[in-house]
Amino acid sequence: MIFNIGRVRFFALDHAFKMQGEKMERIKTSPHVAGLKQTKKAVEAGNARVVFIARDADSHVVMPLEKMCEGKEIEVVYVNNMKELAKASHIEVPTAVVTIVKSA
């Protein structure tokens, strides 16, 4: 079951976890940047396709980014935690944000 409120989609939990896993796989095979600063640069430049935010990231850190993505109509996907996000993006340090960028 899908609920749409503006540009935000809410899925039934089992479907949401499946979709999250599929999107996380895209990080492994797509050009991406990790970290808040690099993500903000990509969003501002119009190069961000999908922004992944860890649920355990500090809200005061990611809230401005969420608003920026909403204003530019960039899809935001929330993932379980920073370690999972780091693993998907092939980095060793937990990260709050990873962004799939447009290819050159």
N, C-alpha and C. Protein backbone atom coordinates (compact mmCIF):
# COMPACT_ATOMS: atom_id res chain seq x y z
N MET A 1 0.84 -1.17 0.00
CA MET A 1 0.00 0.00 0.00
C MET A 1 0.89 1.24 0.00
N ILE A 2 0.59 2.21 -0.83
CA ILE A 2 1.39 3.42 -0.95
C ILE A 2 0.52 4.63 -0.60
N PHE A 3 1.08 5.51 0.20
CA PHE A 3 0.43 6.77 0.53
C PHE A 3 1.30 7.89 0.02
N ASN A 4 0.74 8.82 -0.73
CA ASN A 4 1.49 9.97 -1.22
C ASN A 4 1.04 11.22 -0.50
N ILE A 5 1.99 11.96 0.01
CA ILE A 5 1.71 13.27 0.59
C ILE A 5 2.74 14.21 -0.02
N GLY A 6 2.31 15.00 -0.98
CA GLY A 6 3.25 15.85 -1.71
C GLY A 6 4.24 14.97 -2.46
N ARG A 7 5.54 15.22 -2.29
CA ARG A 7 6.58 14.43 -2.94
C ARG A 7 7.08 13.30 -2.05
N VAL A 8 6.48 13.12 -0.89
CA VAL A 8 6.91 12.09 0.04
C VAL A 8 6.01 10.88 -0.11
N ARG A 9 6.61 9.70 -0.22
CA ARG A 9 5.85 8.47 -0.34
C ARG A 9 6.00 7.66 0.93
N PHE A 10 4.91 7.09 1.38
CA PHE A 10 4.91 6.21 2.52
C PHE A 10 4.46 4.83 2.05
N PHE A 11 5.24 3.81 2.32
CA PHE A 11 4.93 2.45 1.89
C PHE A 11 4.62 1.60 3.11
N ALA A 12 3.88 0.51 2.90
CA ALA A 12 3.73 -0.48 3.95
C ALA A 12 5.14 -0.97 4.30
N LEU A 13 5.39 -1.31 5.56
CA LEU A 13 6.74 -1.60 6.02
C LEU A 13 7.46 -2.68 5.22
N ASP A 14 6.83 -3.81 4.94
CA ASP A 14 7.53 -4.87 4.22
C ASP A 14 7.95 -4.40 2.83
N HIS A 15 7.09 -3.66 2.18
CA HIS A 15 7.41 -3.12 0.85
C HIS A 15 8.51 -2.06 0.96
N ALA A 16 8.45 -1.26 1.99
CA ALA A 16 9.45 -0.19 2.17
C ALA A 16 10.84 -0.78 2.38
N PHE A 17 10.96 -1.84 3.17
CA PHE A 17 12.27 -2.45 3.40
C PHE A 17 12.82 -3.07 2.12
N LYS A 18 11.96 -3.67 1.32
CA LYS A 18 12.40 -4.25 0.05
C LYS A 18 12.89 -3.14 -0.88
N MET A 19 12.12 -2.06 -0.98
CA MET A 19 12.51 -0.93 -1.83
C MET A 19 13.82 -0.32 -1.35
N GLN A 20 13.98 -0.18 -0.04
CA GLN A 20 15.20 0.39 0.52
C GLN A 20 16.40 -0.45 0.11
N GLY A 21 16.27 -1.77 0.21
CA GLY A 21 17.36 -2.66 -0.17
C GLY A 21 17.74 -2.52 -1.63
N GLU A 22 16.74 -2.41 -2.49
CA GLU A 22 17.00 -2.25 -3.92
C GLU A 22 17.72 -0.94 -4.20
N LYS A 23 17.30 0.11 -3.52
CA LYS A 23 17.93 1.41 -3.74
C LYS A 23 19.35 1.42 -3.17
N MET A 24 19.55 0.73 -2.05
CA MET A 24 20.89 0.66 -1.46
C MET A 24 21.85 -0.04 -2.41
N GLU A 25 21.36 -1.03 -3.15
CA GLU A 25 22.20 -1.72 -4.13
C GLU A 25 22.68 -0.76 -5.21
N ARG A 26 21.86 0.24 -5.53
CA ARG A 26 22.25 1.23 -6.55
C ARG A 26 23.48 2.00 -6.14
N ILE A 27 23.67 2.21 -4.83
CA ILE A 27 24.86 2.93 -4.37
C ILE A 27 26.12 2.19 -4.80
N LYS A 28 26.10 0.87 -4.69
CA LYS A 28 27.27 0.06 -5.00
C LYS A 28 27.68 0.15 -6.46
N THR A 29 26.72 0.39 -7.35
CA THR A 29 27.02 0.35 -8.78
C THR A 29 26.95 1.71 -9.47
N SER A 30 26.59 2.74 -8.75
CA SER A 30 26.43 4.07 -9.35
C SER A 30 27.48 5.04 -8.84
N PRO A 31 27.79 6.07 -9.63
CA PRO A 31 28.70 7.10 -9.11
C PRO A 31 28.04 7.79 -7.92
N HIS A 32 28.80 7.98 -6.85
CA HIS A 32 28.22 8.57 -5.65
C HIS A 32 29.27 9.36 -4.87
N VAL A 33 28.78 10.18 -3.97
CA VAL A 33 29.63 10.91 -3.03
C VAL A 33 29.12 10.61 -1.63
N ALA A 34 30.03 10.66 -0.66
CA ALA A 34 29.67 10.39 0.72
C ALA A 34 29.99 11.61 1.57
N GLY A 35 29.15 11.83 2.56
CA GLY A 35 29.38 12.93 3.48
C GLY A 35 28.48 14.11 3.21
N LEU A 36 28.27 14.88 4.26
CA LEU A 36 27.36 16.02 4.19
C LEU A 36 27.85 17.12 3.26
N LYS A 37 29.13 17.49 3.37
CA LYS A 37 29.65 18.59 2.54
C LYS A 37 29.58 18.26 1.05
N GLN A 38 30.01 17.04 0.69
CA GLN A 38 30.00 16.65 -0.72
C GLN A 38 28.56 16.54 -1.25
N THR A 39 27.67 16.06 -0.40
CA THR A 39 26.27 15.96 -0.80
C THR A 39 25.66 17.34 -1.02
N LYS A 40 25.93 18.27 -0.10
CA LYS A 40 25.40 19.63 -0.28
C LYS A 40 25.90 20.25 -1.58
N LYS A 41 27.18 20.04 -1.88
CA LYS A 41 27.73 20.56 -3.14
C LYS A 41 27.01 19.96 -4.34
N ALA A 42 26.77 18.65 -4.31
CA ALA A 42 26.09 17.98 -5.43
C ALA A 42 24.65 18.48 -5.57
N VAL A 43 23.96 18.66 -4.46
CA VAL A 43 22.58 19.15 -4.50
C VAL A 43 22.54 20.57 -5.05
N GLU A 44 23.41 21.44 -4.54
CA GLU A 44 23.44 22.83 -5.00
C GLU A 44 23.78 22.94 -6.48
N ALA A 45 24.66 22.04 -6.97
CA ALA A 45 25.08 22.08 -8.37
C ALA A 45 24.06 21.41 -9.29
N GLY A 46 23.04 20.76 -8.71
CA GLY A 46 22.04 20.08 -9.52
C GLY A 46 22.51 18.72 -10.00
N ASN A 47 23.52 18.14 -9.35
CA ASN A 47 24.07 16.85 -9.77
C ASN A 47 23.56 15.67 -8.96
N ALA A 48 22.78 15.91 -7.93
CA ALA A 48 22.30 14.82 -7.07
C ALA A 48 21.06 14.17 -7.68
N ARG A 49 21.05 12.84 -7.69
CA ARG A 49 19.87 12.10 -8.17
C ARG A 49 19.05 11.58 -7.01
N VAL A 50 19.72 10.91 -6.06
CA VAL A 50 19.05 10.34 -4.89
C VAL A 50 19.96 10.58 -3.69
N VAL A 51 19.38 11.05 -2.59
CA VAL A 51 20.12 11.30 -1.36
C VAL A 51 19.69 10.26 -0.33
N PHE A 52 20.65 9.55 0.24
CA PHE A 52 20.40 8.56 1.28
C PHE A 52 20.82 9.15 2.61
N ILE A 53 19.91 9.12 3.58
CA ILE A 53 20.20 9.67 4.91
C ILE A 53 20.00 8.57 5.95
N ALA A 54 20.98 8.41 6.84
CA ALA A 54 20.88 7.42 7.90
C ALA A 54 19.93 7.90 8.98
N ARG A 55 19.06 7.02 9.45
CA ARG A 55 18.09 7.38 10.49
C ARG A 55 18.75 7.74 11.81
N ASP A 56 19.95 7.21 12.06
CA ASP A 56 20.62 7.50 13.33
C ASP A 56 21.53 8.73 13.26
N ALA A 57 21.47 9.46 12.16
CA ALA A 57 22.24 10.71 12.04
C ALA A 57 21.57 11.79 12.89
N ASP A 58 22.38 12.70 13.41
CA ASP A 58 21.83 13.80 14.21
C ASP A 58 20.90 14.66 13.35
N SER A 59 19.70 14.89 13.86
CA SER A 59 18.71 15.62 13.08
C SER A 59 19.15 17.05 12.78
N HIS A 60 19.88 17.69 13.70
CA HIS A 60 20.30 19.07 13.42
C HIS A 60 21.32 19.13 12.29
N VAL A 61 21.96 17.99 12.00
CA VAL A 61 22.93 17.93 10.91
C VAL A 61 22.23 17.74 9.58
N VAL A 62 21.25 16.83 9.53
CA VAL A 62 20.63 16.49 8.25
C VAL A 62 19.37 17.29 7.91
N MET A 63 18.78 17.94 8.88
CA MET A 63 17.53 18.68 8.61
C MET A 63 17.70 19.76 7.53
N PRO A 64 18.76 20.56 7.55
CA PRO A 64 18.92 21.55 6.47
C PRO A 64 19.05 20.88 5.09
N LEU A 65 19.72 19.72 5.05
CA LEU A 65 19.86 19.00 3.80
C LEU A 65 18.50 18.48 3.32
N GLU A 66 17.70 17.98 4.23
CA GLU A 66 16.36 17.50 3.87
C GLU A 66 15.54 18.62 3.25
N LYS A 67 15.60 19.80 3.83
CA LYS A 67 14.86 20.95 3.29
C LYS A 67 15.39 21.36 1.92
N MET A 68 16.71 21.30 1.76
CA MET A 68 17.33 21.64 0.48
C MET A 68 16.86 20.66 -0.61
N CYS A 69 16.83 19.37 -0.27
CA CYS A 69 16.39 18.35 -1.23
C CYS A 69 14.91 18.54 -1.58
N GLU A 70 14.12 18.85 -0.60
CA GLU A 70 12.69 19.08 -0.83
C GLU A 70 12.49 20.25 -1.79
N GLY A 71 13.24 21.32 -1.59
CA GLY A 71 13.13 22.50 -2.44
C GLY A 71 13.56 22.23 -3.87
N LYS A 72 14.51 21.31 -4.06
CA LYS A 72 15.00 20.99 -5.40
C LYS A 72 14.36 19.73 -5.96
N GLU A 73 13.38 19.18 -5.23
CA GLU A 73 12.65 17.98 -5.64
C GLU A 73 13.58 16.80 -5.91
N ILE A 74 14.50 16.56 -4.98
CA ILE A 74 15.42 15.44 -5.06
C ILE A 74 14.92 14.35 -4.13
N GLU A 75 14.90 13.14 -4.62
CA GLU A 75 14.41 12.00 -3.83
C GLU A 75 15.33 11.76 -2.63
N VAL A 76 14.73 11.55 -1.47
CA VAL A 76 15.46 11.23 -0.24
C VAL A 76 15.02 9.84 0.22
N VAL A 77 16.00 8.98 0.50
CA VAL A 77 15.73 7.64 1.00
C VAL A 77 16.38 7.52 2.37
N TYR A 78 15.60 7.07 3.35
CA TYR A 78 16.12 6.90 4.70
C TYR A 78 16.54 5.46 4.89
N VAL A 79 17.74 5.25 5.42
CA VAL A 79 18.27 3.91 5.68
C VAL A 79 18.45 3.72 7.18
N ASN A 80 18.60 2.48 7.59
CA ASN A 80 18.61 2.15 9.01
C ASN A 80 19.67 2.87 9.83
N ASN A 81 20.92 2.82 9.39
CA ASN A 81 21.97 3.43 10.20
C ASN A 81 23.19 3.81 9.37
N MET A 82 24.09 4.53 10.00
CA MET A 82 25.27 5.06 9.32
C MET A 82 26.24 3.95 8.90
N LYS A 83 26.35 2.89 9.69
CA LYS A 83 27.25 1.78 9.34
C LYS A 83 26.78 1.10 8.05
N GLU A 84 25.48 0.87 7.95
CA GLU A 84 24.92 0.24 6.75
C GLU A 84 25.15 1.11 5.52
N LEU A 85 25.01 2.39 5.68
CA LEU A 85 25.23 3.33 4.58
C LEU A 85 26.70 3.35 4.16
N ALA A 86 27.60 3.30 5.13
CA ALA A 86 29.03 3.27 4.83
C ALA A 86 29.40 1.98 4.09
N LYS A 87 28.84 0.87 4.52
CA LYS A 87 29.13 -0.41 3.87
C LYS A 87 28.68 -0.40 2.42
N ALA A 88 27.49 0.12 2.17
CA ALA A 88 26.96 0.17 0.80
C ALA A 88 27.81 1.06 -0.10
N SER A 89 28.44 2.08 0.48
CA SER A 89 29.23 3.02 -0.33
C SER A 89 30.72 2.71 -0.31
N HIS A 90 31.08 1.56 0.26
CA HIS A 90 32.48 1.09 0.26
C HIS A 90 33.42 2.01 1.02
N ILE A 91 32.96 2.57 2.12
CA ILE A 91 33.85 3.36 2.97
C ILE A 91 33.86 2.73 4.36
N GLU A 92 34.93 2.96 5.09
CA GLU A 92 35.11 2.30 6.38
C GLU A 92 34.52 3.08 7.55
N VAL A 93 34.32 4.36 7.37
CA VAL A 93 33.83 5.21 8.46
C VAL A 93 32.32 5.40 8.31
N PRO A 94 31.54 5.20 9.39
CA PRO A 94 30.10 5.44 9.29
C PRO A 94 29.82 6.86 8.77
N THR A 95 28.82 6.95 7.90
CA THR A 95 28.48 8.25 7.32
C THR A 95 26.99 8.51 7.40
N ALA A 96 26.63 9.74 7.59
CA ALA A 96 25.22 10.14 7.73
C ALA A 96 24.53 10.24 6.38
N VAL A 97 25.30 10.56 5.33
CA VAL A 97 24.69 10.86 4.03
C VAL A 97 25.54 10.30 2.89
N VAL A 98 24.88 9.70 1.91
CA VAL A 98 25.50 9.29 0.66
C VAL A 98 24.55 9.72 -0.46
N THR A 99 25.11 10.18 -1.56
CA THR A 99 24.30 10.68 -2.67
C THR A 99 24.73 10.05 -3.99
N ILE A 100 23.75 9.53 -4.71
CA ILE A 100 24.01 9.09 -6.09
C ILE A 100 23.99 10.33 -6.96
N VAL A 101 25.05 10.51 -7.73
CA VAL A 101 25.17 11.70 -8.57
C VAL A 101 24.98 11.34 -10.04
N LYS A 102 24.65 12.36 -10.81
CA LYS A 102 24.50 12.16 -12.25
C LYS A 102 25.88 11.91 -12.84
N SER A 103 25.93 11.01 -13.84
CA SER A 103 27.21 10.77 -14.51
C SER A 103 27.59 11.95 -15.39
N ALA A 104 28.87 12.10 -15.58
CA ALA A 104 29.39 13.24 -16.34
C ALA A 104 29.08 13.16 -17.80
